[in-house]
Amino acid sequence: MKLLTPLLRPSGLTPLFSDEATLQRMLDVEAALAGAQAQCGIVPPHAAAAIARHCDVKLLDAAGLAHAAAGAGNLAIPLVKQLTARVKAADEDAARYVHWGATSQDIIDSGLMLQLRDAFDQTQVLLSDLLAALAAQTERHQQTVMAGRTWLQHALPTTFGLKLAGTLDALLRWRVRLDELRPRVLTVQFGGAAGTLASLNEKGPQVAQALASALSLTLPDTPWHSQRDRLLEAGSWYAGVAATLGKFASDFALMMQTEVAETAEPVAEGRGGSSAMPHKRNPVACAAILTANTRLPGLMATLYASQLQQHERALGGWQAEWETLPEIITLAGGVMQTSLELIRDMQVFPEKMRDNLQITHGLVFAEPVTLKLAEHIGKQAAHQHMETLCHRSLDEGAALQTLLADDALISRYFTAASLAQLLSPDQATGSAPVFVRQVLARYKETL
């Protein structure tokens, strides 16, 4: 639905999978095929040039093509018919060589590879922007202390910088995976009717190599009409990146809740409002990110199911990919674009984070006191004693520091100054600064 594109698919990846882009990339393959065959002495050079001149999507009757595809079973058959008719009107001899030796799937799959390459290029730019924004915020907040949460409850103090560094670290791994999969995934498809290129006789491999070179795609060892792992890998990459950013958006939305109020989405006119409640400031960016992540697992299930391809050319599985993979990519692109805008301009409230550390009356600092006490009386005894004091704090609403100061056993081993240090938020984040520095250093190595 185009009405929802600005909300769910706002990135530069979306136009790469438009109807016009899909048809043009298929025409690019037809032009390259004729050129490759001319290079190999199969098609006269003048015919290849005539075919290339007519491989322009603006010359197609797209509506007629779409209608004809319903009967033909795919887009390539009516596209080839239209292309042949246009070439024939200008050069009857050249029209004989349109689509020579190829099958519909060769054109559709290779066209998709060109679209995927465009998508990978655009994705790398978007991912670099995301990494830069995330690294800047990680550096800015590496000393911003907040409550760590496990099972949705306060655990121990951590830093907002470490939370951001976790996402940055994951995205750095996704960038490595993208670099690795490009040459493996971006391969030409050219096998002819049954994957043997029999119609080209002994020149099949030569034409395949020339076609791959013309399209700047890798030449695989064998046509892959019914081996769809490359598309599954591409889809998995996009779904995985979206899931990483979905985890971030989920945490961010929870931190935005009225009772928590540690973060907020960027301020903009009309953003996050309610049609009924003037005071509302809803996490609309997080909602868009999580909406896409709710849909992506089902789309990936379709892509996995599409791996079941019958014999040399498949019935149903291949066709199920046509809309599924572009939707995965454009939804994930939307997640990346929306996350970029969220991360770059998000609001963070360190004072509220510190205030929230105190709502458990200091119980989040119980572990460091327990471990220090264990040095004197043993771990089990220390745990039991501190557990009793924590229960009293909860029952009486008393600050843990007050109960510790009044406790005879604690006073035997701790001074007021040592207790204050153990209960200090700034002293309670363990190795968080080290972890943040390591991730930032790794990011800077990639610049």
Protein backbone atom coordinates (compact mmCIF):
# COMPACT_ATOMS: atom_id res chain seq x y z
CA MET A 1 0.00 0.00 0.00
CA LYS A 2 1.67 3.21 -1.17
CA LEU A 3 -0.09 5.21 1.55
CA LEU A 4 2.03 3.42 4.16
CA THR A 5 5.34 3.64 2.31
CA PRO A 6 6.54 6.81 4.10
CA LEU A 7 5.82 5.13 7.44
CA LEU A 8 7.12 1.60 6.82
CA ARG A 9 9.42 1.80 3.78
CA PRO A 10 10.95 5.31 3.81
CA SER A 11 14.48 4.38 2.70
CA GLY A 12 16.20 4.69 -0.66
CA LEU A 13 15.87 0.93 -1.10
CA THR A 14 12.15 1.14 -1.86
CA PRO A 15 12.36 2.70 -5.36
CA LEU A 16 14.95 0.08 -6.34
CA PHE A 17 12.12 -2.50 -6.34
CA SER A 18 9.45 -0.45 -8.06
CA ASP A 19 7.67 -1.95 -11.07
CA GLU A 20 9.64 0.37 -13.36
CA ALA A 21 12.98 -0.62 -11.80
CA THR A 22 12.12 -4.34 -12.04
CA LEU A 23 11.26 -4.11 -15.73
CA GLN A 24 14.29 -1.95 -16.55
CA ARG A 25 16.68 -4.36 -14.89
CA MET A 26 15.17 -7.23 -16.90
CA LEU A 27 15.65 -5.17 -20.07
CA ASP A 28 19.24 -4.50 -19.01
CA VAL A 29 19.79 -8.25 -18.95
CA GLU A 30 18.26 -8.66 -22.42
CA ALA A 31 20.54 -5.94 -23.79
CA ALA A 32 23.60 -7.46 -22.11
CA LEU A 33 22.67 -10.92 -23.39
CA ALA A 34 22.50 -9.72 -26.99
CA GLY A 35 25.80 -7.90 -26.55
CA ALA A 36 27.49 -10.96 -25.02
CA GLN A 37 26.28 -13.16 -27.88
CA ALA A 38 27.52 -10.64 -30.42
CA GLN A 39 30.90 -10.77 -28.69
CA CYS A 40 30.85 -14.56 -29.03
CA GLY A 41 29.88 -14.49 -32.71
CA ILE A 42 26.32 -15.75 -32.28
CA VAL A 43 24.36 -12.53 -32.84
CA PRO A 44 25.30 -9.97 -35.51
CA PRO A 45 26.65 -6.78 -33.89
CA HIS A 46 24.05 -4.63 -35.63
CA ALA A 47 21.28 -6.82 -34.18
CA ALA A 48 22.69 -6.55 -30.66
CA ALA A 49 22.84 -2.76 -31.03
CA ALA A 50 19.25 -2.63 -32.28
CA ILE A 51 18.05 -4.75 -29.36
CA ALA A 52 19.92 -2.57 -26.85
CA ARG A 53 18.35 0.60 -28.27
CA HIS A 54 14.88 -0.71 -27.47
CA CYS A 55 15.68 -1.93 -23.93
CA ASP A 56 14.13 1.11 -22.32
CA VAL A 57 11.28 0.69 -19.86
CA LYS A 58 9.68 3.88 -21.12
CA LEU A 59 8.99 2.11 -24.42
CA LEU A 60 6.99 -0.66 -22.75
CA ASP A 61 3.26 -0.86 -22.26
CA ALA A 62 3.54 -1.74 -18.56
CA ALA A 63 -0.21 -2.09 -18.01
CA GLY A 64 -0.55 -4.42 -20.98
CA LEU A 65 2.47 -6.39 -19.82
CA ALA A 66 1.00 -6.84 -16.35
CA HIS A 67 -2.29 -8.06 -17.80
CA ALA A 68 -0.51 -10.51 -20.11
CA ALA A 69 1.65 -11.82 -17.25
CA ALA A 70 -1.47 -13.23 -15.59
CA GLY A 71 -1.87 -15.64 -18.49
CA ALA A 72 1.81 -16.20 -19.20
CA GLY A 73 2.75 -17.01 -15.60
CA ASN A 74 5.61 -14.52 -15.35
CA LEU A 75 6.66 -11.05 -16.45
CA ALA A 76 9.44 -12.10 -18.80
CA ILE A 77 7.27 -13.74 -21.45
CA PRO A 78 5.15 -10.65 -22.28
CA LEU A 79 8.22 -8.42 -21.86
CA VAL A 80 10.09 -10.41 -24.49
CA LYS A 81 7.07 -10.26 -26.79
CA GLN A 82 6.83 -6.50 -26.50
CA LEU A 83 10.57 -6.05 -26.93
CA THR A 84 10.62 -8.31 -29.97
CA ALA A 85 7.74 -6.42 -31.58
CA ARG A 86 9.45 -3.07 -31.08
CA VAL A 87 12.78 -4.31 -32.40
CA LYS A 88 11.02 -5.91 -35.37
CA ALA A 89 9.34 -2.62 -36.27
CA ALA A 90 12.78 -1.05 -36.59
CA ASP A 91 14.90 -4.00 -37.76
CA GLU A 92 13.17 -7.25 -38.72
CA ASP A 93 16.42 -9.21 -38.90
CA ALA A 94 17.52 -8.08 -35.42
CA ALA A 95 14.21 -9.18 -33.91
CA ARG A 96 15.16 -12.82 -34.56
CA TYR A 97 17.88 -12.58 -31.90
CA VAL A 98 15.90 -11.16 -28.99
CA HIS A 99 16.16 -13.45 -25.93
CA TRP A 100 18.31 -15.92 -27.90
CA GLY A 101 19.10 -19.10 -25.93
CA ALA A 102 17.66 -17.79 -22.67
CA THR A 103 14.67 -18.76 -20.59
CA SER A 104 12.30 -16.49 -18.69
CA GLN A 105 13.86 -17.34 -15.35
CA ASP A 106 17.30 -16.32 -16.59
CA ILE A 107 16.03 -12.82 -17.28
CA ILE A 108 13.98 -12.48 -14.08
CA ASP A 109 16.66 -13.87 -11.78
CA SER A 110 19.53 -11.92 -13.35
CA GLY A 111 17.43 -8.77 -13.26
CA LEU A 112 16.81 -9.41 -9.58
CA MET A 113 20.55 -9.76 -9.05
CA LEU A 114 21.05 -6.30 -10.52
CA GLN A 115 18.38 -4.95 -8.18
CA LEU A 116 20.04 -6.72 -5.27
CA ARG A 117 23.38 -5.17 -6.15
CA ASP A 118 21.75 -1.74 -6.21
CA ALA A 119 20.20 -2.54 -2.84
CA PHE A 120 23.50 -3.69 -1.35
CA ASP A 121 25.18 -0.48 -2.52
CA GLN A 122 22.45 1.66 -0.99
CA THR A 123 22.43 -0.47 2.15
CA GLN A 124 26.15 -0.02 2.71
CA VAL A 125 25.72 3.75 2.67
CA LEU A 126 22.76 3.59 5.04
CA LEU A 127 24.57 1.18 7.35
CA SER A 128 27.64 3.45 7.47
CA ASP A 129 25.42 6.38 8.46
CA LEU A 130 23.77 4.25 11.15
CA LEU A 131 27.12 3.15 12.56
CA ALA A 132 28.41 6.73 12.66
CA ALA A 133 25.31 7.99 14.48
CA LEU A 134 25.37 5.11 16.92
CA ALA A 135 29.09 5.48 17.62
CA ALA A 136 28.64 9.19 18.34
CA GLN A 137 25.84 8.51 20.83
CA THR A 138 27.78 5.64 22.41
CA GLU A 139 30.75 7.91 22.99
CA ARG A 140 28.52 10.67 24.34
CA HIS A 141 26.81 8.37 26.86
CA GLN A 142 29.59 6.04 27.94
CA GLN A 143 29.44 7.54 31.46
CA THR A 144 25.64 7.88 31.61
CA VAL A 145 24.68 5.57 34.48
CA MET A 146 21.29 3.87 34.45
CA ALA A 147 19.58 0.81 35.87
CA GLY A 148 20.32 -2.42 34.08
CA ARG A 149 17.20 -4.52 33.72
CA THR A 150 16.79 -8.29 33.67
CA TRP A 151 13.39 -9.96 33.38
CA LEU A 152 12.11 -6.35 33.02
CA GLN A 153 13.16 -5.63 36.63
CA HIS A 154 16.00 -3.50 38.02
CA ALA A 155 19.15 -5.61 38.21
CA LEU A 156 22.50 -3.80 38.60
CA PRO A 157 23.62 -0.40 37.33
CA THR A 158 24.94 -0.20 33.79
CA THR A 159 25.50 2.66 31.37
CA PHE A 160 23.41 3.85 28.48
CA GLY A 161 26.64 3.86 26.50
CA LEU A 162 27.01 0.11 27.02
CA LYS A 163 23.43 -0.46 25.89
CA LEU A 164 24.18 1.50 22.71
CA ALA A 165 27.53 -0.25 22.30
CA GLY A 166 25.74 -3.61 22.19
CA THR A 167 23.76 -2.48 19.17
CA LEU A 168 26.84 -0.92 17.58
CA ASP A 169 28.78 -4.14 18.09
CA ALA A 170 26.04 -6.19 16.42
CA LEU A 171 25.81 -3.81 13.44
CA LEU A 172 29.58 -4.03 12.94
CA ARG A 173 29.17 -7.79 12.61
CA TRP A 174 26.31 -7.30 10.14
CA ARG A 175 28.57 -5.08 8.03
CA VAL A 176 31.19 -7.83 7.87
CA ARG A 177 28.52 -10.32 6.80
CA LEU A 178 27.31 -7.99 4.05
CA ASP A 179 30.83 -7.69 2.66
CA GLU A 180 31.18 -11.47 2.74
CA LEU A 181 27.90 -12.32 1.06
CA ARG A 182 28.13 -9.88 -1.87
CA PRO A 183 30.36 -12.00 -4.16
CA ARG A 184 28.60 -15.19 -3.10
CA VAL A 185 25.08 -13.88 -3.75
CA LEU A 186 25.51 -11.57 -6.75
CA THR A 187 25.73 -14.18 -9.49
CA VAL A 188 24.36 -14.20 -13.02
CA GLN A 189 21.58 -16.64 -13.87
CA PHE A 190 21.95 -18.19 -17.32
CA GLY A 191 21.02 -21.79 -17.97
CA GLY A 192 18.45 -21.82 -20.74
CA ALA A 193 15.37 -23.99 -20.75
CA ALA A 194 16.62 -26.77 -18.46
CA GLY A 195 19.87 -25.41 -17.08
CA THR A 196 22.12 -26.91 -19.78
CA LEU A 197 22.39 -24.06 -22.34
CA ALA A 198 21.87 -26.75 -24.97
CA SER A 199 20.58 -24.22 -27.52
CA LEU A 200 24.01 -22.55 -27.61
CA ASN A 201 25.87 -25.81 -28.14
CA GLU A 202 29.55 -25.56 -27.21
CA LYS A 203 29.41 -21.79 -26.86
CA GLY A 204 27.17 -21.85 -23.78
CA PRO A 205 29.94 -21.35 -21.18
CA GLN A 206 31.55 -18.65 -23.31
CA VAL A 207 28.32 -16.67 -23.58
CA ALA A 208 27.64 -17.14 -19.87
CA GLN A 209 31.05 -15.68 -19.04
CA ALA A 210 30.55 -12.77 -21.41
CA LEU A 211 27.10 -12.09 -19.93
CA ALA A 212 28.44 -12.17 -16.37
CA SER A 213 31.20 -9.75 -17.35
CA ALA A 214 28.75 -7.42 -19.11
CA LEU A 215 26.53 -7.31 -16.02
CA SER A 216 29.48 -7.22 -13.57
CA LEU A 217 28.09 -10.27 -11.77
CA THR A 218 29.91 -13.39 -10.61
CA LEU A 219 29.69 -16.43 -12.91
CA PRO A 220 28.55 -19.43 -10.83
CA ASP A 221 29.78 -22.95 -11.52
CA THR A 222 26.26 -23.99 -12.47
CA PRO A 223 22.91 -22.30 -13.15
CA TRP A 224 20.87 -22.05 -9.97
CA HIS A 225 17.28 -22.12 -11.22
CA SER A 226 16.15 -24.39 -8.41
CA GLN A 227 18.88 -23.70 -5.82
CA ARG A 228 17.68 -20.57 -4.03
CA ASP A 229 20.06 -20.36 -1.08
CA ARG A 230 21.56 -17.09 -2.34
CA LEU A 231 18.23 -15.32 -2.05
CA LEU A 232 17.61 -16.89 1.33
CA GLU A 233 20.97 -15.57 2.52
CA ALA A 234 20.20 -12.08 1.25
CA GLY A 235 16.77 -12.07 2.90
CA SER A 236 18.23 -13.40 6.14
CA TRP A 237 20.75 -10.56 6.22
CA TYR A 238 18.05 -7.91 5.95
CA ALA A 239 15.75 -9.62 8.43
CA GLY A 240 18.65 -10.00 10.85
CA VAL A 241 19.66 -6.35 10.71
CA ALA A 242 16.04 -5.35 11.23
CA ALA A 243 15.83 -7.65 14.26
CA THR A 244 18.94 -6.10 15.81
CA LEU A 245 17.41 -2.64 15.41
CA GLY A 246 14.05 -3.97 16.58
CA LYS A 247 15.62 -5.03 19.87
CA PHE A 248 16.97 -1.50 20.25
CA ALA A 249 13.57 0.04 19.44
CA SER A 250 11.84 -2.24 21.93
CA ASP A 251 14.20 -1.18 24.72
CA PHE A 252 13.90 2.47 23.72
CA ALA A 253 10.09 2.37 23.77
CA LEU A 254 10.13 0.81 27.25
CA MET A 255 12.50 3.53 28.43
CA MET A 256 10.07 6.10 26.97
CA GLN A 257 7.14 4.97 29.11
CA THR A 258 5.68 7.74 31.24
CA GLU A 259 6.73 6.08 34.51
CA VAL A 260 10.30 5.57 33.24
CA ALA A 261 10.86 8.67 31.07
CA GLU A 262 14.57 8.09 30.48
CA THR A 263 14.47 8.72 26.74
CA ALA A 264 12.25 10.32 24.13
CA GLU A 265 12.01 10.27 20.36
CA PRO A 266 13.09 13.37 18.41
CA VAL A 267 10.80 16.37 18.66
CA ALA A 268 9.04 17.42 15.45
CA GLU A 269 5.80 19.14 14.55
CA GLY A 270 2.93 16.65 14.61
CA ARG A 271 5.15 13.75 15.68
CA GLY A 272 3.79 11.19 18.11
CA GLY A 273 0.54 12.95 18.87
CA SER A 274 -2.81 11.39 19.66
CA SER A 275 -6.08 12.14 17.88
CA ALA A 276 -7.81 12.11 21.27
CA MET A 277 -5.28 13.08 23.94
CA PRO A 278 -3.32 16.32 23.49
CA HIS A 279 -0.71 15.37 26.08
CA LYS A 280 0.44 12.19 24.34
CA ARG A 281 3.93 11.76 22.90
CA ASN A 282 3.89 8.31 21.36
CA PRO A 283 6.98 6.35 20.25
CA VAL A 284 5.97 6.37 16.57
CA ALA A 285 9.44 5.56 15.21
CA CYS A 286 9.71 2.56 17.52
CA ALA A 287 6.23 1.48 16.44
CA ALA A 288 7.22 1.54 12.76
CA ILE A 289 10.39 -0.44 13.50
CA LEU A 290 8.52 -3.02 15.55
CA THR A 291 5.73 -3.27 12.97
CA ALA A 292 8.24 -4.30 10.33
CA ASN A 293 9.85 -6.76 12.73
CA THR A 294 6.47 -8.32 13.42
CA ARG A 295 5.98 -8.96 9.71
CA LEU A 296 9.49 -10.07 8.75
CA PRO A 297 9.50 -13.53 10.40
CA GLY A 298 6.44 -14.54 8.37
CA LEU A 299 8.03 -13.29 5.16
CA MET A 300 11.22 -15.18 5.98
CA ALA A 301 9.14 -18.32 6.54
CA THR A 302 7.90 -17.94 2.96
CA LEU A 303 11.46 -17.56 1.73
CA TYR A 304 12.48 -20.70 3.61
CA ALA A 305 9.51 -22.60 2.20
CA SER A 306 10.56 -21.45 -1.27
CA GLN A 307 13.73 -23.51 -0.97
CA LEU A 308 11.65 -26.56 -1.88
CA GLN A 309 12.03 -26.36 -5.66
CA GLN A 310 11.05 -29.23 -7.93
CA HIS A 311 13.57 -30.66 -10.39
CA GLU A 312 15.31 -28.24 -12.76
CA ARG A 313 12.68 -25.48 -12.81
CA ALA A 314 10.15 -25.05 -10.05
CA LEU A 315 6.43 -24.62 -9.71
CA GLY A 316 5.28 -22.14 -7.05
CA GLY A 317 8.38 -21.82 -4.88
CA TRP A 318 10.34 -19.62 -7.26
CA GLN A 319 7.31 -17.48 -7.99
CA ALA A 320 6.63 -16.98 -4.26
CA GLU A 321 9.93 -15.10 -3.98
CA TRP A 322 8.97 -12.35 -6.44
CA GLU A 323 7.12 -10.19 -3.96
CA THR A 324 8.50 -11.67 -0.75
CA LEU A 325 12.19 -10.81 -1.07
CA PRO A 326 11.63 -7.19 -2.18
CA GLU A 327 9.20 -6.73 0.70
CA ILE A 328 11.77 -8.07 3.18
CA ILE A 329 14.42 -5.72 1.81
CA THR A 330 12.24 -2.62 1.67
CA LEU A 331 10.78 -3.20 5.14
CA ALA A 332 14.29 -3.72 6.54
CA GLY A 333 15.45 -0.63 4.69
CA GLY A 334 12.66 1.28 6.38
CA VAL A 335 13.79 -0.04 9.75
CA MET A 336 17.33 1.15 9.05
CA GLN A 337 16.24 4.60 7.89
CA THR A 338 13.83 5.12 10.79
CA SER A 339 16.44 3.86 13.27
CA LEU A 340 18.99 6.28 11.86
CA GLU A 341 16.68 9.24 12.43
CA LEU A 342 15.78 7.99 15.90
CA ILE A 343 19.36 7.39 17.03
CA ARG A 344 20.75 10.57 15.53
CA ASP A 345 18.25 12.93 17.22
CA MET A 346 16.98 10.97 20.22
CA GLN A 347 16.55 12.69 23.56
CA VAL A 348 18.25 11.19 26.62
CA PHE A 349 17.60 12.24 30.21
CA PRO A 350 20.55 11.22 32.42
CA GLU A 351 19.07 12.84 35.54
CA LYS A 352 15.95 10.71 35.24
CA MET A 353 18.10 7.62 34.78
CA ARG A 354 19.87 8.41 38.05
CA ASP A 355 16.56 9.12 39.79
CA ASN A 356 15.22 5.75 38.67
CA LEU A 357 18.23 4.02 40.20
CA GLN A 358 16.90 5.11 43.59
CA ILE A 359 13.33 3.85 43.31
CA THR A 360 14.30 0.52 44.86
CA HIS A 361 15.82 2.36 47.84
CA GLY A 362 19.32 1.31 46.88
CA LEU A 363 18.62 -2.41 46.38
CA VAL A 364 20.39 -2.39 43.01
CA PHE A 365 23.63 -1.96 45.00
CA ALA A 366 23.06 -5.00 47.17
CA GLU A 367 25.32 -7.29 45.14
CA PRO A 368 28.60 -5.34 45.57
CA VAL A 369 27.99 -5.12 49.32
CA THR A 370 27.23 -8.85 49.42
CA LEU A 371 30.43 -9.74 47.60
CA LYS A 372 32.52 -7.53 49.89
CA LEU A 373 30.86 -8.97 52.98
CA ALA A 374 31.52 -12.48 51.64
CA GLU A 375 35.25 -11.82 51.96
CA HIS A 376 34.73 -11.75 55.73
CA ILE A 377 31.96 -14.25 56.49
CA GLY A 378 31.67 -16.42 53.37
CA LYS A 379 29.40 -16.20 50.34
CA GLN A 380 26.38 -18.11 51.62
CA ALA A 381 26.24 -16.33 54.98
CA ALA A 382 26.71 -12.95 53.30
CA HIS A 383 23.94 -13.68 50.82
CA GLN A 384 21.50 -14.71 53.55
CA HIS A 385 22.27 -11.65 55.67
CA MET A 386 21.91 -9.22 52.81
CA GLU A 387 18.72 -10.93 51.61
CA THR A 388 17.19 -10.33 55.04
CA LEU A 389 18.14 -6.65 54.90
CA CYS A 390 16.75 -6.33 51.36
CA HIS A 391 13.41 -7.83 52.41
CA ARG A 392 13.27 -5.36 55.29
CA SER A 393 13.96 -2.51 52.86
CA LEU A 394 11.05 -3.63 50.69
CA ASP A 395 8.68 -4.22 53.59
CA GLU A 396 9.49 -1.02 55.47
CA GLY A 397 10.20 1.25 52.49
CA ALA A 398 13.54 2.08 54.11
CA ALA A 399 16.71 2.92 52.21
CA LEU A 400 19.18 0.06 52.08
CA GLN A 401 21.98 2.44 53.04
CA THR A 402 20.17 3.33 56.28
CA LEU A 403 19.62 -0.31 57.19
CA LEU A 404 23.25 -1.12 56.43
CA ALA A 405 24.50 1.75 58.56
CA ASP A 406 22.39 0.54 61.50
CA ASP A 407 23.31 -3.14 61.16
CA ALA A 408 25.80 -4.45 63.71
CA LEU A 409 27.36 -7.06 61.44
CA ILE A 410 27.83 -4.59 58.60
CA SER A 411 29.28 -1.97 60.93
CA ARG A 412 31.86 -4.50 62.11
CA TYR A 413 33.42 -4.67 58.65
CA PHE A 414 32.50 -1.43 56.88
CA THR A 415 33.00 2.24 57.60
CA ALA A 416 30.49 4.83 56.46
CA ALA A 417 32.91 5.92 53.73
CA SER A 418 33.43 2.39 52.39
CA LEU A 419 29.68 1.80 52.35
CA ALA A 420 29.11 5.05 50.47
CA GLN A 421 31.63 3.96 47.85
CA LEU A 422 29.97 0.56 47.44
CA LEU A 423 26.58 2.24 47.05
CA SER A 424 27.78 4.85 44.54
CA PRO A 425 26.28 4.48 41.02
CA ASP A 426 29.54 5.62 39.44
CA GLN A 427 31.44 2.80 41.14
CA ALA A 428 28.89 0.11 40.30
CA THR A 429 29.18 -0.31 36.53
CA GLY A 430 32.03 -2.82 36.59
CA SER A 431 33.76 -3.27 33.24
CA ALA A 432 31.16 -1.33 31.25
CA PRO A 433 33.65 1.43 30.35
CA VAL A 434 36.11 -1.16 29.07
CA PHE A 435 33.49 -2.84 26.90
CA VAL A 436 32.36 0.48 25.45
CA ARG A 437 35.94 1.50 24.63
CA GLN A 438 36.55 -1.83 22.92
CA VAL A 439 33.52 -1.47 20.64
CA LEU A 440 34.35 2.14 19.81
CA ALA A 441 37.92 1.15 18.99
CA ARG A 442 36.64 -1.61 16.71
CA TYR A 443 34.39 0.87 14.95
CA LYS A 444 37.23 3.34 14.47
CA GLU A 445 39.39 0.60 12.94
CA THR A 446 36.84 0.29 10.14
CA LEU A 447 36.86 3.97 9.16
